[in-house]
Amino acid sequence: MELPVNPFKRALAEGHVQINLGVGWRMLMRPRLWPALASTGCCSTANTRRTRYPPILGQRQAVAPYASHSIVRVAWNDTVLIKQILDIGAQTVLLPRVQDAQAARRAVAAIRYPPRGVRGGQ
């Protein structure tokens, strides 16, 4: 099975500048505007601190047909939060406060399945 290409990572690897609409400004936007913004090709960031409005899944669905790419910022480097975001199909997750090797190992374990990680496990 081929994994879907992550356009954000591919563009970075190819040296293309990525323009992000940002967490604060983006959170104020109405969902009906997401497709128009997504059609510009900008990256968009959703933040898990405010999961009721706008809903992250709804944002991802709204921008899916466009060249834009969703980046989801979890509220904390938390295994459960990371798993939930990956379960709704996010390919790019922004993790705050990863300041040492132990925090980085915890984050990587949350995105990988056993035996290399804890995703899908208890």
PDB file of N, CA and C in Angstrom:
ATOM      1  N   MET A   1       0.822  -1.167   0.000  1.00  0.00           N
ATOM      2  CA  MET A   1       0.000   0.000   0.000  1.00  0.00           C
ATOM      3  C   MET A   1       0.876   1.244   0.000  1.00  0.00           C
ATOM      4  N   GLU A   2       0.582   2.155  -0.912  1.00  0.00           N
ATOM      5  CA  GLU A   2       1.327   3.406  -0.959  1.00  0.00           C
ATOM      6  C   GLU A   2       0.727   4.413  -0.007  1.00  0.00           C
ATOM      7  N   LEU A   3       1.583   5.053   0.756  1.00  0.00           N
ATOM      8  CA  LEU A   3       1.129   6.108   1.651  1.00  0.00           C
ATOM      9  C   LEU A   3       0.898   7.385   0.851  1.00  0.00           C
ATOM     10  N   PRO A   4      -0.060   8.204   1.263  1.00  0.00           N
ATOM     11  CA  PRO A   4      -0.269   9.472   0.550  1.00  0.00           C
ATOM     12  C   PRO A   4       0.948  10.381   0.707  1.00  0.00           C
ATOM     13  N   VAL A   5       1.226  11.112  -0.344  1.00  0.00           N
ATOM     14  CA  VAL A   5       2.347  12.049  -0.315  1.00  0.00           C
ATOM     15  C   VAL A   5       1.981  13.214   0.593  1.00  0.00           C
ATOM     16  N   ASN A   6       2.930  13.633   1.415  1.00  0.00           N
ATOM     17  CA  ASN A   6       2.738  14.799   2.268  1.00  0.00           C
ATOM     18  C   ASN A   6       3.254  16.003   1.481  1.00  0.00           C
ATOM     19  N   PRO A   7       2.341  16.837   0.935  1.00  0.00           N
ATOM     20  CA  PRO A   7       2.796  17.946   0.097  1.00  0.00           C
ATOM     21  C   PRO A   7       3.634  18.984   0.843  1.00  0.00           C
ATOM     22  N   PHE A   8       3.397  19.133   2.130  1.00  0.00           N
ATOM     23  CA  PHE A   8       4.174  20.080   2.931  1.00  0.00           C
ATOM     24  C   PHE A   8       5.631  19.617   3.022  1.00  0.00           C
ATOM     25  N   LYS A   9       5.836  18.358   3.384  1.00  0.00           N
ATOM     26  CA  LYS A   9       7.194  17.831   3.500  1.00  0.00           C
ATOM     27  C   LYS A   9       7.892  17.799   2.147  1.00  0.00           C
ATOM     28  N   ARG A  10       7.153  17.452   1.086  1.00  0.00           N
ATOM     29  CA  ARG A  10       7.746  17.408  -0.249  1.00  0.00           C
ATOM     30  C   ARG A  10       8.205  18.806  -0.671  1.00  0.00           C
ATOM     31  N   ALA A  11       7.347  19.813  -0.444  1.00  0.00           N
ATOM     32  CA  ALA A  11       7.703  21.183  -0.823  1.00  0.00           C
ATOM     33  C   ALA A  11       8.931  21.672  -0.048  1.00  0.00           C
ATOM     34  N   LEU A  12       8.998  21.356   1.241  1.00  0.00           N
ATOM     35  CA  LEU A  12      10.179  21.741   2.025  1.00  0.00           C
ATOM     36  C   LEU A  12      11.431  21.064   1.489  1.00  0.00           C
ATOM     37  N   ALA A  13      11.320  19.772   1.180  1.00  0.00           N
ATOM     38  CA  ALA A  13      12.473  19.028   0.663  1.00  0.00           C
ATOM     39  C   ALA A  13      12.950  19.587  -0.671  1.00  0.00           C
ATOM     40  N   GLU A  14      12.020  20.124  -1.457  1.00  0.00           N
ATOM     41  CA  GLU A  14      12.367  20.697  -2.754  1.00  0.00           C
ATOM     42  C   GLU A  14      12.785  22.167  -2.656  1.00  0.00           C
ATOM     43  N   GLY A  15      12.791  22.713  -1.434  1.00  0.00           N
ATOM     44  CA  GLY A  15      13.237  24.079  -1.227  1.00  0.00           C
ATOM     45  C   GLY A  15      12.195  25.147  -1.511  1.00  0.00           C
ATOM     46  N   HIS A  16      10.920  24.772  -1.589  1.00  0.00           N
ATOM     47  CA  HIS A  16       9.855  25.744  -1.840  1.00  0.00           C
ATOM     48  C   HIS A  16       9.423  26.409  -0.531  1.00  0.00           C
ATOM     49  N   VAL A  17       9.269  27.706  -0.580  1.00  0.00           N
ATOM     50  CA  VAL A  17       8.803  28.463   0.582  1.00  0.00           C
ATOM     51  C   VAL A  17       7.351  28.081   0.858  1.00  0.00           C
ATOM     52  N   GLN A  18       7.033  27.881   2.129  1.00  0.00           N
ATOM     53  CA  GLN A  18       5.670  27.562   2.535  1.00  0.00           C
ATOM     54  C   GLN A  18       5.086  28.756   3.273  1.00  0.00           C
ATOM     55  N   ILE A  19       3.921  29.185   2.865  1.00  0.00           N
ATOM     56  CA  ILE A  19       3.261  30.324   3.494  1.00  0.00           C
ATOM     57  C   ILE A  19       2.144  29.789   4.374  1.00  0.00           C
ATOM     58  N   ASN A  20       2.179  30.180   5.639  1.00  0.00           N
ATOM     59  CA  ASN A  20       1.194  29.702   6.606  1.00  0.00           C
ATOM     60  C   ASN A  20       0.294  30.861   7.005  1.00  0.00           C
ATOM     61  N   LEU A  21      -1.006  30.602   7.060  1.00  0.00           N
ATOM     62  CA  LEU A  21      -1.945  31.649   7.448  1.00  0.00           C
ATOM     63  C   LEU A  21      -1.919  31.917   8.940  1.00  0.00           C
ATOM     64  N   GLY A  22      -1.378  31.020   9.721  1.00  0.00           N
ATOM     65  CA  GLY A  22      -1.179  31.260  11.143  1.00  0.00           C
ATOM     66  C   GLY A  22      -2.347  30.842  12.015  1.00  0.00           C
ATOM     67  N   VAL A  23      -2.031  30.506  13.248  1.00  0.00           N
ATOM     68  CA  VAL A  23      -3.017  30.003  14.193  1.00  0.00           C
ATOM     69  C   VAL A  23      -4.026  31.071  14.579  1.00  0.00           C
ATOM     70  N   GLY A  24      -3.583  32.218  15.091  1.00  0.00           N
ATOM     71  CA  GLY A  24      -4.501  33.220  15.612  1.00  0.00           C
ATOM     72  C   GLY A  24      -5.453  33.758  14.564  1.00  0.00           C
ATOM     73  N   TRP A  25      -4.918  34.219  13.444  1.00  0.00           N
ATOM     74  CA  TRP A  25      -5.751  34.786  12.397  1.00  0.00           C
ATOM     75  C   TRP A  25      -6.672  33.746  11.807  1.00  0.00           C
ATOM     76  N   ARG A  26      -6.160  32.575  11.602  1.00  0.00           N
ATOM     77  CA  ARG A  26      -6.944  31.500  10.995  1.00  0.00           C
ATOM     78  C   ARG A  26      -8.103  31.078  11.896  1.00  0.00           C
ATOM     79  N   MET A  27      -7.906  31.110  13.189  1.00  0.00           N
ATOM     80  CA  MET A  27      -8.950  30.659  14.100  1.00  0.00           C
ATOM     81  C   MET A  27     -10.154  31.593  14.077  1.00  0.00           C
ATOM     82  N   LEU A  28      -9.960  32.829  13.634  1.00  0.00           N
ATOM     83  CA  LEU A  28     -11.061  33.779  13.603  1.00  0.00           C
ATOM     84  C   LEU A  28     -11.907  33.670  12.341  1.00  0.00           C
ATOM     85  N   MET A  29     -11.443  32.932  11.374  1.00  0.00           N
ATOM     86  CA  MET A  29     -12.118  32.862  10.091  1.00  0.00           C
ATOM     87  C   MET A  29     -13.349  31.963  10.141  1.00  0.00           C
ATOM     88  N   ARG A  30     -14.316  32.293   9.339  1.00  0.00           N
ATOM     89  CA  ARG A  30     -15.526  31.484   9.221  1.00  0.00           C
ATOM     90  C   ARG A  30     -15.236  30.275   8.325  1.00  0.00           C
ATOM     91  N   PRO A  31     -15.809  29.107   8.646  1.00  0.00           N
ATOM     92  CA  PRO A  31     -15.559  27.908   7.842  1.00  0.00           C
ATOM     93  C   PRO A  31     -15.891  28.073   6.368  1.00  0.00           C
ATOM     94  N   ARG A  32     -16.860  28.898   6.032  1.00  0.00           N
ATOM     95  CA  ARG A  32     -17.223  29.058   4.616  1.00  0.00           C
ATOM     96  C   ARG A  32     -16.113  29.729   3.813  1.00  0.00           C
ATOM     97  N   LEU A  33     -15.161  30.378   4.499  1.00  0.00           N
ATOM     98  CA  LEU A  33     -14.040  31.019   3.813  1.00  0.00           C
ATOM     99  C   LEU A  33     -12.866  30.081   3.588  1.00  0.00           C
ATOM    100  N   TRP A  34     -12.844  28.935   4.271  1.00  0.00           N
ATOM    101  CA  TRP A  34     -11.697  28.027   4.149  1.00  0.00           C
ATOM    102  C   TRP A  34     -11.413  27.602   2.716  1.00  0.00           C
ATOM    103  N   PRO A  35     -12.435  27.204   1.935  1.00  0.00           N
ATOM    104  CA  PRO A  35     -12.119  26.816   0.556  1.00  0.00           C
ATOM    105  C   PRO A  35     -11.474  27.944  -0.253  1.00  0.00           C
ATOM    106  N   ALA A  36     -11.942  29.172  -0.075  1.00  0.00           N
ATOM    107  CA  ALA A  36     -11.349  30.290  -0.812  1.00  0.00           C
ATOM    108  C   ALA A  36      -9.886  30.481  -0.414  1.00  0.00           C
ATOM    109  N   LEU A  37      -9.596  30.403   0.873  1.00  0.00           N
ATOM    110  CA  LEU A  37      -8.218  30.544   1.333  1.00  0.00           C
ATOM    111  C   LEU A  37      -7.371  29.359   0.895  1.00  0.00           C
ATOM    112  N   ALA A  38      -7.951  28.170   0.944  1.00  0.00           N
ATOM    113  CA  ALA A  38      -7.208  26.965   0.552  1.00  0.00           C
ATOM    114  C   ALA A  38      -6.843  27.002  -0.928  1.00  0.00           C
ATOM    115  N   SER A  39      -7.675  27.635  -1.751  1.00  0.00           N
ATOM    116  CA  SER A  39      -7.401  27.683  -3.186  1.00  0.00           C
ATOM    117  C   SER A  39      -6.162  28.507  -3.514  1.00  0.00           C
ATOM    118  N   THR A  40      -5.664  29.289  -2.554  1.00  0.00           N
ATOM    119  CA  THR A  40      -4.446  30.072  -2.772  1.00  0.00           C
ATOM    120  C   THR A  40      -3.192  29.214  -2.654  1.00  0.00           C
ATOM    121  N   GLY A  41      -3.326  28.013  -2.072  1.00  0.00           N
ATOM    122  CA  GLY A  41      -2.178  27.138  -1.900  1.00  0.00           C
ATOM    123  C   GLY A  41      -1.439  27.349  -0.597  1.00  0.00           C
ATOM    124  N   CYS A  42      -1.904  28.274   0.246  1.00  0.00           N
ATOM    125  CA  CYS A  42      -1.258  28.510   1.538  1.00  0.00           C
ATOM    126  C   CYS A  42      -1.468  27.315   2.459  1.00  0.00           C
ATOM    127  N   CYS A  43      -0.541  27.139   3.360  1.00  0.00           N
ATOM    128  CA  CYS A  43      -0.744  26.164   4.416  1.00  0.00           C
ATOM    129  C   CYS A  43      -1.721  26.772   5.411  1.00  0.00           C
ATOM    130  N   SER A  44      -2.442  25.930   6.094  1.00  0.00           N
ATOM    131  CA  SER A  44      -3.359  26.437   7.113  1.00  0.00           C
ATOM    132  C   SER A  44      -3.112  25.682   8.400  1.00  0.00           C
ATOM    133  N   THR A  45      -3.224  26.382   9.511  1.00  0.00           N
ATOM    134  CA  THR A  45      -2.958  25.777  10.796  1.00  0.00           C
ATOM    135  C   THR A  45      -4.215  25.746  11.636  1.00  0.00           C
ATOM    136  N   ALA A  46      -4.527  24.590  12.167  1.00  0.00           N
ATOM    137  CA  ALA A  46      -5.610  24.454  13.126  1.00  0.00           C
ATOM    138  C   ALA A  46      -4.981  24.199  14.476  1.00  0.00           C
ATOM    139  N   ASN A  47      -5.652  24.596  15.518  1.00  0.00           N
ATOM    140  CA  ASN A  47      -5.100  24.492  16.857  1.00  0.00           C
ATOM    141  C   ASN A  47      -6.060  23.694  17.724  1.00  0.00           C
ATOM    142  N   THR A  48      -5.568  22.669  18.404  1.00  0.00           N
ATOM    143  CA  THR A  48      -6.435  21.813  19.208  1.00  0.00           C
ATOM    144  C   THR A  48      -6.912  22.469  20.489  1.00  0.00           C
ATOM    145  N   ARG A  49      -6.433  23.646  20.825  1.00  0.00           N
ATOM    146  CA  ARG A  49      -6.911  24.305  22.035  1.00  0.00           C
ATOM    147  C   ARG A  49      -8.370  24.724  21.907  1.00  0.00           C
ATOM    148  N   ARG A  50      -8.811  24.938  20.692  1.00  0.00           N
ATOM    149  CA  ARG A  50     -10.196  25.352  20.458  1.00  0.00           C
ATOM    150  C   ARG A  50     -10.836  24.365  19.488  1.00  0.00           C
ATOM    151  N   THR A  51     -11.156  23.191  19.973  1.00  0.00           N
ATOM    152  CA  THR A  51     -11.639  22.153  19.072  1.00  0.00           C
ATOM    153  C   THR A  51     -13.091  22.341  18.663  1.00  0.00           C
ATOM    154  N   ARG A  52     -13.867  23.169  19.387  1.00  0.00           N
ATOM    155  CA  ARG A  52     -15.263  23.345  19.003  1.00  0.00           C
ATOM    156  C   ARG A  52     -15.416  24.287  17.818  1.00  0.00           C
ATOM    157  N   TYR A  53     -14.670  25.363  17.766  1.00  0.00           N
ATOM    158  CA  TYR A  53     -14.771  26.279  16.645  1.00  0.00           C
ATOM    159  C   TYR A  53     -13.402  26.818  16.304  1.00  0.00           C
ATOM    160  N   PRO A  54     -12.883  26.546  15.148  1.00  0.00           N
ATOM    161  CA  PRO A  54     -13.474  25.682  14.141  1.00  0.00           C
ATOM    162  C   PRO A  54     -13.105  24.233  14.378  1.00  0.00           C
ATOM    163  N   PRO A  55     -13.944  23.309  13.990  1.00  0.00           N
ATOM    164  CA  PRO A  55     -13.583  21.900  14.164  1.00  0.00           C
ATOM    165  C   PRO A  55     -12.461  21.520  13.198  1.00  0.00           C
ATOM    166  N   ILE A  56     -11.480  20.862  13.727  1.00  0.00           N
ATOM    167  CA  ILE A  56     -10.311  20.513  12.919  1.00  0.00           C
ATOM    168  C   ILE A  56     -10.688  19.577  11.780  1.00  0.00           C
ATOM    169  N   LEU A  57     -11.540  18.602  12.035  1.00  0.00           N
ATOM    170  CA  LEU A  57     -11.960  17.702  10.963  1.00  0.00           C
ATOM    171  C   LEU A  57     -12.685  18.488   9.874  1.00  0.00           C
ATOM    172  N   GLY A  58     -13.535  19.409  10.254  1.00  0.00           N
ATOM    173  CA  GLY A  58     -14.251  20.225   9.275  1.00  0.00           C
ATOM    174  C   GLY A  58     -13.303  21.051   8.426  1.00  0.00           C
ATOM    175  N   GLN A  59     -12.279  21.604   9.053  1.00  0.00           N
ATOM    176  CA  GLN A  59     -11.295  22.369   8.296  1.00  0.00           C
ATOM    177  C   GLN A  59     -10.571  21.473   7.308  1.00  0.00           C
ATOM    178  N   ARG A  60     -10.176  20.314   7.769  1.00  0.00           N
ATOM    179  CA  ARG A  60      -9.462  19.384   6.878  1.00  0.00           C
ATOM    180  C   ARG A  60     -10.340  18.983   5.698  1.00  0.00           C
ATOM    181  N   GLN A  61     -11.612  18.742   5.939  1.00  0.00           N
ATOM    182  CA  GLN A  61     -12.527  18.378   4.858  1.00  0.00           C
ATOM    183  C   GLN A  61     -12.710  19.532   3.879  1.00  0.00           C
ATOM    184  N   ALA A  62     -12.777  20.758   4.399  1.00  0.00           N
ATOM    185  CA  ALA A  62     -12.989  21.922   3.540  1.00  0.00           C
ATOM    186  C   ALA A  62     -11.800  22.193   2.622  1.00  0.00           C
ATOM    187  N   VAL A  63     -10.592  21.947   3.097  1.00  0.00           N
ATOM    188  CA  VAL A  63      -9.415  22.254   2.283  1.00  0.00           C
ATOM    189  C   VAL A  63      -8.918  21.063   1.472  1.00  0.00           C
ATOM    190  N   ALA A  64      -9.474  19.888   1.699  1.00  0.00           N
ATOM    191  CA  ALA A  64      -8.992  18.664   1.036  1.00  0.00           C
ATOM    192  C   ALA A  64      -8.923  18.753  -0.492  1.00  0.00           C
ATOM    193  N   PRO A  65      -9.895  19.359  -1.174  1.00  0.00           N
ATOM    194  CA  PRO A  65      -9.825  19.380  -2.645  1.00  0.00           C
ATOM    195  C   PRO A  65      -8.800  20.355  -3.222  1.00  0.00           C
ATOM    196  N   TYR A  66      -8.131  21.116  -2.386  1.00  0.00           N
ATOM    197  CA  TYR A  66      -7.254  22.175  -2.863  1.00  0.00           C
ATOM    198  C   TYR A  66      -5.783  21.848  -2.633  1.00  0.00           C
ATOM    199  N   ALA A  67      -4.934  22.687  -3.209  1.00  0.00           N
ATOM    200  CA  ALA A  67      -3.486  22.484  -3.072  1.00  0.00           C
ATOM    201  C   ALA A  67      -2.981  22.850  -1.684  1.00  0.00           C
ATOM    202  N   SER A  68      -3.808  23.458  -0.878  1.00  0.00           N
ATOM    203  CA  SER A  68      -3.434  23.825   0.477  1.00  0.00           C
ATOM    204  C   SER A  68      -3.188  22.566   1.313  1.00  0.00           C
ATOM    205  N   HIS A  69      -2.506  22.744   2.411  1.00  0.00           N
ATOM    206  CA  HIS A  69      -2.206  21.611   3.278  1.00  0.00           C
ATOM    207  C   HIS A  69      -2.441  22.027   4.723  1.00  0.00           C
ATOM    208  N   SER A  70      -3.159  21.202   5.470  1.00  0.00           N
ATOM    209  CA  SER A  70      -3.431  21.507   6.874  1.00  0.00           C
ATOM    210  C   SER A  70      -2.274  21.086   7.770  1.00  0.00           C
ATOM    211  N   ILE A  71      -1.914  21.974   8.658  1.00  0.00           N
ATOM    212  CA  ILE A  71      -0.952  21.688   9.706  1.00  0.00           C
ATOM    213  C   ILE A  71      -1.722  21.795  11.012  1.00  0.00           C
ATOM    214  N   VAL A  72      -1.698  20.762  11.815  1.00  0.00           N
ATOM    215  CA  VAL A  72      -2.455  20.777  13.058  1.00  0.00           C
ATOM    216  C   VAL A  72      -1.488  20.919  14.222  1.00  0.00           C
ATOM    217  N   ARG A  73      -1.710  21.957  15.011  1.00  0.00           N
ATOM    218  CA  ARG A  73      -0.885  22.184  16.201  1.00  0.00           C
ATOM    219  C   ARG A  73      -1.626  21.623  17.403  1.00  0.00           C
ATOM    220  N   VAL A  74      -1.041  20.616  18.011  1.00  0.00           N
ATOM    221  CA  VAL A  74      -1.656  20.061  19.219  1.00  0.00           C
ATOM    222  C   VAL A  74      -1.341  20.985  20.388  1.00  0.00           C
ATOM    223  N   ALA A  75      -2.204  20.956  21.401  1.00  0.00           N
ATOM    224  CA  ALA A  75      -2.025  21.856  22.535  1.00  0.00           C
ATOM    225  C   ALA A  75      -0.787  21.521  23.353  1.00  0.00           C
ATOM    226  N   TRP A  76      -0.397  20.275  23.356  1.00  0.00           N
ATOM    227  CA  TRP A  76       0.736  19.847  24.159  1.00  0.00           C
ATOM    228  C   TRP A  76       1.304  18.576  23.562  1.00  0.00           C
ATOM    229  N   ASN A  77       2.524  18.242  23.881  1.00  0.00           N
ATOM    230  CA  ASN A  77       3.159  17.008  23.435  1.00  0.00           C
ATOM    231  C   ASN A  77       2.553  15.852  24.230  1.00  0.00           C
ATOM    232  N   ASP A  78       1.334  15.492  23.863  1.00  0.00           N
ATOM    233  CA  ASP A  78       0.560  14.493  24.586  1.00  0.00           C
ATOM    234  C   ASP A  78       0.202  13.351  23.637  1.00  0.00           C
ATOM    235  N   THR A  79       0.514  12.134  24.028  1.00  0.00           N
ATOM    236  CA  THR A  79       0.297  10.963  23.178  1.00  0.00           C
ATOM    237  C   THR A  79      -1.155  10.837  22.740  1.00  0.00           C
ATOM    238  N   VAL A  80      -2.105  11.028  23.623  1.00  0.00           N
ATOM    239  CA  VAL A  80      -3.525  10.890  23.281  1.00  0.00           C
ATOM    240  C   VAL A  80      -3.935  11.948  22.258  1.00  0.00           C
ATOM    241  N   LEU A  81      -3.541  13.196  22.473  1.00  0.00           N
ATOM    242  CA  LEU A  81      -3.875  14.253  21.517  1.00  0.00           C
ATOM    243  C   LEU A  81      -3.269  13.972  20.142  1.00  0.00           C
ATOM    244  N   ILE A  82      -2.032  13.558  20.125  1.00  0.00           N
ATOM    245  CA  ILE A  82      -1.358  13.273  18.855  1.00  0.00           C
ATOM    246  C   ILE A  82      -2.067  12.139  18.127  1.00  0.00           C
ATOM    247  N   LYS A  83      -2.415  11.081  18.842  1.00  0.00           N
ATOM    248  CA  LYS A  83      -3.121   9.954  18.220  1.00  0.00           C
ATOM    249  C   LYS A  83      -4.463  10.395  17.633  1.00  0.00           C
ATOM    250  N   GLN A  84      -5.209  11.233  18.361  1.00  0.00           N
ATOM    251  CA  GLN A  84      -6.509  11.697  17.869  1.00  0.00           C
ATOM    252  C   GLN A  84      -6.366  12.499  16.584  1.00  0.00           C
ATOM    253  N   ILE A  85      -5.375  13.350  16.528  1.00  0.00           N
ATOM    254  CA  ILE A  85      -5.163  14.162  15.330  1.00  0.00           C
ATOM    255  C   ILE A  85      -4.751  13.282  14.148  1.00  0.00           C
ATOM    256  N   LEU A  86      -3.903  12.306  14.392  1.00  0.00           N
ATOM    257  CA  LEU A  86      -3.515  11.390  13.311  1.00  0.00           C
ATOM    258  C   LEU A  86      -4.703  10.549  12.856  1.00  0.00           C
ATOM    259  N   ASP A  87      -5.582  10.195  13.786  1.00  0.00           N
ATOM    260  CA  ASP A  87      -6.754   9.387  13.445  1.00  0.00           C
ATOM    261  C   ASP A  87      -7.723  10.111  12.514  1.00  0.00           C
ATOM    262  N   ILE A  88      -7.741  11.448  12.517  1.00  0.00           N
ATOM    263  CA  ILE A  88      -8.610  12.153  11.580  1.00  0.00           C
ATOM    264  C   ILE A  88      -7.898  12.458  10.265  1.00  0.00           C
ATOM    265  N   GLY A  89      -6.689  11.934  10.116  1.00  0.00           N
ATOM    266  CA  GLY A  89      -6.006  12.013   8.833  1.00  0.00           C
ATOM    267  C   GLY A  89      -4.966  13.105   8.680  1.00  0.00           C
ATOM    268  N   ALA A  90      -4.612  13.784   9.751  1.00  0.00           N
ATOM    269  CA  ALA A  90      -3.587  14.824   9.637  1.00  0.00           C
ATOM    270  C   ALA A  90      -2.250  14.199   9.266  1.00  0.00           C
ATOM    271  N   GLN A  91      -1.572  14.808   8.309  1.00  0.00           N
ATOM    272  CA  GLN A  91      -0.242  14.343   7.925  1.00  0.00           C
ATOM    273  C   GLN A  91       0.857  15.166   8.569  1.00  0.00           C
ATOM    274  N   THR A  92       0.560  16.411   8.887  1.00  0.00           N
ATOM    275  CA  THR A  92       1.563  17.296   9.442  1.00  0.00           C
ATOM    276  C   THR A  92       1.073  17.809  10.788  1.00  0.00           C
ATOM    277  N   VAL A  93       1.841  17.514  11.830  1.00  0.00           N
ATOM    278  CA  VAL A  93       1.468  17.888  13.189  1.00  0.00           C
ATOM    279  C   VAL A  93       2.582  18.756  13.758  1.00  0.00           C
ATOM    280  N   LEU A  94       2.203  19.876  14.309  1.00  0.00           N
ATOM    281  CA  LEU A  94       3.143  20.787  14.951  1.00  0.00           C
ATOM    282  C   LEU A  94       3.062  20.569  16.450  1.00  0.00           C
ATOM    283  N   LEU A  95       4.195  20.240  17.048  1.00  0.00           N
ATOM    284  CA  LEU A  95       4.240  19.946  18.474  1.00  0.00           C
ATOM    285  C   LEU A  95       4.980  21.040  19.232  1.00  0.00           C
ATOM    286  N   PRO A  96       4.330  21.659  20.217  1.00  0.00           N
ATOM    287  CA  PRO A  96       4.997  22.693  20.997  1.00  0.00           C
ATOM    288  C   PRO A  96       5.859  22.087  22.108  1.00  0.00           C
ATOM    289  N   ARG A  97       6.796  22.867  22.565  1.00  0.00           N
ATOM    290  CA  ARG A  97       7.561  22.539  23.769  1.00  0.00           C
ATOM    291  C   ARG A  97       8.329  21.215  23.694  1.00  0.00           C
ATOM    292  N   VAL A  98       8.836  20.868  22.531  1.00  0.00           N
ATOM    293  CA  VAL A  98       9.720  19.703  22.420  1.00  0.00           C
ATOM    294  C   VAL A  98      11.134  20.267  22.563  1.00  0.00           C
ATOM    295  N   GLN A  99      11.640  20.236  23.814  1.00  0.00           N
ATOM    296  CA  GLN A  99      12.881  20.924  24.116  1.00  0.00           C
ATOM    297  C   GLN A  99      14.038  20.012  24.507  1.00  0.00           C
ATOM    298  N   ASP A 100      13.783  18.717  24.566  1.00  0.00           N
ATOM    299  CA  ASP A 100      14.871  17.817  24.905  1.00  0.00           C
ATOM    300  C   ASP A 100      14.640  16.466  24.236  1.00  0.00           C
ATOM    301  N   ALA A 101      15.636  15.611  24.345  1.00  0.00           N
ATOM    302  CA  ALA A 101      15.575  14.311  23.677  1.00  0.00           C
ATOM    303  C   ALA A 101      14.427  13.444  24.194  1.00  0.00           C
ATOM    304  N   GLN A 102      14.150  13.495  25.465  1.00  0.00           N
ATOM    305  CA  GLN A 102      13.067  12.688  26.027  1.00  0.00           C
ATOM    306  C   GLN A 102      11.710  13.114  25.448  1.00  0.00           C
ATOM    307  N   ALA A 103      11.467  14.419  25.335  1.00  0.00           N
ATOM    308  CA  ALA A 103      10.211  14.910  24.763  1.00  0.00           C
ATOM    309  C   ALA A 103      10.117  14.527  23.283  1.00  0.00           C
ATOM    310  N   ALA A 104      11.232  14.578  22.578  1.00  0.00           N
ATOM    311  CA  ALA A 104      11.237  14.189  21.162  1.00  0.00           C
ATOM    312  C   ALA A 104      10.945  12.700  21.009  1.00  0.00           C
ATOM    313  N   ARG A 105      11.527  11.864  21.864  1.00  0.00           N
ATOM    314  CA  ARG A 105      11.259  10.422  21.803  1.00  0.00           C
ATOM    315  C   ARG A 105       9.783  10.120  22.079  1.00  0.00           C
ATOM    316  N   ARG A 106       9.188  10.830  23.044  1.00  0.00           N
ATOM    317  CA  ARG A 106       7.775  10.646  23.376  1.00  0.00           C
ATOM    318  C   ARG A 106       6.892  11.023  22.176  1.00  0.00           C
ATOM    319  N   ALA A 107       7.213  12.117  21.504  1.00  0.00           N
ATOM    320  CA  ALA A 107       6.447  12.560  20.339  1.00  0.00           C
ATOM    321  C   ALA A 107       6.552  11.555  19.195  1.00  0.00           C
ATOM    322  N   VAL A 108       7.758  11.090  18.920  1.00  0.00           N
ATOM    323  CA  VAL A 108       7.960  10.124  17.839  1.00  0.00           C
ATOM    324  C   VAL A 108       7.250   8.809  18.154  1.00  0.00           C
ATOM    325  N   ALA A 109       7.293   8.369  19.396  1.00  0.00           N
ATOM    326  CA  ALA A 109       6.606   7.132  19.786  1.00  0.00           C
ATOM    327  C   ALA A 109       5.101   7.252  19.568  1.00  0.00           C
ATOM    328  N   ALA A 110       4.548   8.445  19.763  1.00  0.00           N
ATOM    329  CA  ALA A 110       3.105   8.645  19.595  1.00  0.00           C
ATOM    330  C   ALA A 110       2.666   8.503  18.146  1.00  0.00           C
ATOM    331  N   ILE A 111       3.559   8.747  17.186  1.00  0.00           N
ATOM    332  CA  ILE A 111       3.167   8.667  15.781  1.00  0.00           C
ATOM    333  C   ILE A 111       3.486   7.322  15.137  1.00  0.00           C
ATOM    334  N   ARG A 112       4.251   6.495  15.825  1.00  0.00           N
ATOM    335  CA  ARG A 112       4.643   5.198  15.255  1.00  0.00           C
ATOM    336  C   ARG A 112       3.893   4.051  15.923  1.00  0.00           C
ATOM    337  N   TYR A 113       3.628   3.045  15.121  1.00  0.00           N
ATOM    338  CA  TYR A 113       2.975   1.836  15.643  1.00  0.00           C
ATOM    339  C   TYR A 113       4.018   0.924  16.284  1.00  0.00           C
ATOM    340  N   PRO A 114       3.578   0.045  17.211  1.00  0.00           N
ATOM    341  CA  PRO A 114       4.503  -0.924  17.812  1.00  0.00           C
ATOM    342  C   PRO A 114       5.114  -1.810  16.729  1.00  0.00           C
ATOM    343  N   PRO A 115       6.326  -2.227  16.895  1.00  0.00           N
ATOM    344  CA  PRO A 115       7.156  -2.162  18.095  1.00  0.00           C
ATOM    345  C   PRO A 115       7.983  -0.880  18.200  1.00  0.00           C
ATOM    346  N   ARG A 116       7.901   0.014  17.199  1.00  0.00           N
ATOM    347  CA  ARG A 116       8.718   1.236  17.229  1.00  0.00           C
ATOM    348  C   ARG A 116       8.052   2.395  17.949  1.00  0.00           C
ATOM    349  N   GLY A 117       6.769   2.232  18.340  1.00  0.00           N
ATOM    350  CA  GLY A 117       6.058   3.307  19.000  1.00  0.00           C
ATOM    351  C   GLY A 117       4.860   2.785  19.769  1.00  0.00           C
ATOM    352  N   VAL A 118       3.946   3.689  20.128  1.00  0.00           N
ATOM    353  CA  VAL A 118       2.795   3.309  20.954  1.00  0.00           C
ATOM    354  C   VAL A 118       1.452   3.597  20.270  1.00  0.00           C
ATOM    355  N   ARG A 119       1.469   4.106  19.043  1.00  0.00           N
ATOM    356  CA  ARG A 119       0.205   4.423  18.367  1.00  0.00           C
ATOM    357  C   ARG A 119      -0.606   3.150  18.164  1.00  0.00           C
ATOM    358  N   GLY A 120      -1.872   3.239  18.434  1.00  0.00           N
ATOM    359  CA  GLY A 120      -2.739   2.086  18.287  1.00  0.00           C
ATOM    360  C   GLY A 120      -2.721   1.185  19.510  1.00  0.00           C
ATOM    361  N   GLY A 121      -1.772   1.389  20.396  1.00  0.00           N
ATOM    362  CA  GLY A 121      -1.682   0.597  21.606  1.00  0.00           C
ATOM    363  C   GLY A 121      -2.356   1.304  22.769  1.00  0.00           C
ATOM    364  N   GLN A 122      -2.226   0.714  23.930  1.00  0.00           N
ATOM    365  CA  GLN A 122      -2.892   1.285  25.112  1.00  0.00           C
ATOM    366  C   GLN A 122      -2.065   2.381  25.723  1.00  0.00           C
TER     367      GLN A 122
END
